[in-house]
Amino acid sequence: LDEPTAALDPLTSDFVMFLIDKIIRDLSLTAICVTHDLTYALKFGSRLIQMKNGKVLKDIQSNQKKELTNKEIYSWFEK
């Protein structure tokens, strides 16, 4: 899923993300969702991967992801 909510209004974006999450869980699928919306990155999925120029910078597993805040993730991009 490549930026599935990029051109959508906030209400439709929420609907799409909840629908995607439901389908993935109901069908026990594995999926990769690319997003620049850090709120969605925290809220959905079991793993968070930050990449730059095709290289993995961070690979955060489910138990670590639960502890993260938006502010912490934003700080990854400050340099």
Protein backbone atom coordinates (compact mmCIF):
# COMPACT_ATOMS: atom_id res chain seq x y z
CA LEU A 1 0.00 0.00 0.00
CA ASP A 2 1.76 3.12 -1.22
CA GLU A 3 0.41 6.20 0.57
CA PRO A 4 -3.23 4.98 0.51
CA THR A 5 -4.48 8.16 2.22
CA ALA A 6 -2.22 10.75 0.56
CA ALA A 7 -4.90 12.64 -1.36
CA LEU A 8 -7.83 12.06 0.97
CA ASP A 9 -9.59 14.29 3.47
CA PRO A 10 -9.11 13.39 7.17
CA LEU A 11 -12.43 11.56 7.63
CA THR A 12 -11.98 9.46 4.50
CA SER A 13 -8.36 8.79 5.45
CA ASP A 14 -9.45 7.43 8.83
CA PHE A 15 -12.11 5.26 7.17
CA VAL A 16 -9.61 3.86 4.66
CA MET A 17 -6.99 3.09 7.32
CA PHE A 18 -9.50 1.36 9.61
CA LEU A 19 -10.82 -0.64 6.64
CA ILE A 20 -7.30 -1.65 5.58
CA ASP A 21 -6.53 -2.68 9.17
CA LYS A 22 -9.72 -4.74 9.41
CA ILE A 23 -9.10 -6.55 6.12
CA ILE A 24 -5.49 -7.34 7.05
CA ARG A 25 -6.50 -8.66 10.49
CA ASP A 26 -9.60 -10.57 9.30
CA LEU A 27 -7.67 -12.33 6.53
CA SER A 28 -4.42 -12.71 8.52
CA LEU A 29 -2.48 -10.95 5.77
CA THR A 30 0.99 -9.53 5.78
CA ALA A 31 1.16 -6.05 4.26
CA ILE A 32 3.50 -3.11 3.94
CA CYS A 33 1.94 0.32 4.12
CA VAL A 34 4.03 3.33 3.18
CA THR A 35 2.90 6.53 4.88
CA HIS A 36 4.25 9.90 5.86
CA ASP A 37 1.46 10.30 8.41
CA LEU A 38 3.22 9.54 11.68
CA THR A 39 -0.06 9.24 13.57
CA TYR A 40 -1.10 6.36 11.30
CA ALA A 41 2.39 4.88 11.50
CA LEU A 42 1.99 4.64 15.28
CA LYS A 43 -1.66 3.61 15.33
CA PHE A 44 -1.64 0.83 12.74
CA GLY A 45 0.54 -2.18 12.11
CA SER A 46 2.78 -4.27 14.26
CA ARG A 47 6.13 -2.92 13.09
CA LEU A 48 7.59 0.44 12.13
CA ILE A 49 10.46 0.75 9.68
CA GLN A 50 12.15 4.04 8.83
CA MET A 51 14.03 4.07 5.55
CA LYS A 52 16.17 6.57 3.69
CA ASN A 53 17.65 6.13 0.23
CA GLY A 54 16.65 2.46 0.22
CA LYS A 55 18.36 1.67 3.52
CA VAL A 56 16.69 0.70 6.78
CA LEU A 57 17.52 3.25 9.48
CA LYS A 58 15.22 1.95 12.21
CA ASP A 59 13.27 -1.28 12.62
CA ILE A 60 10.91 -1.00 15.57
CA GLN A 61 9.11 -4.13 16.73
CA SER A 62 5.60 -4.16 18.21
CA ASN A 63 6.63 -4.04 21.88
CA GLN A 64 8.93 -1.03 21.29
CA LYS A 65 6.43 0.69 18.99
CA LYS A 66 3.83 0.84 21.77
CA GLU A 67 6.20 3.03 23.79
CA LEU A 68 6.83 5.60 21.01
CA THR A 69 5.24 9.02 20.69
CA ASN A 70 4.80 11.24 17.64
CA LYS A 71 7.36 13.62 19.14
CA GLU A 72 9.98 10.87 19.32
CA ILE A 73 9.39 9.84 15.73
CA TYR A 74 9.55 13.47 14.54
CA SER A 75 12.93 13.75 16.25
CA TRP A 76 14.29 11.02 13.92
CA PHE A 77 13.96 13.49 11.05
CA GLU A 78 15.67 16.44 12.75
CA LYS A 79 19.23 16.83 11.52
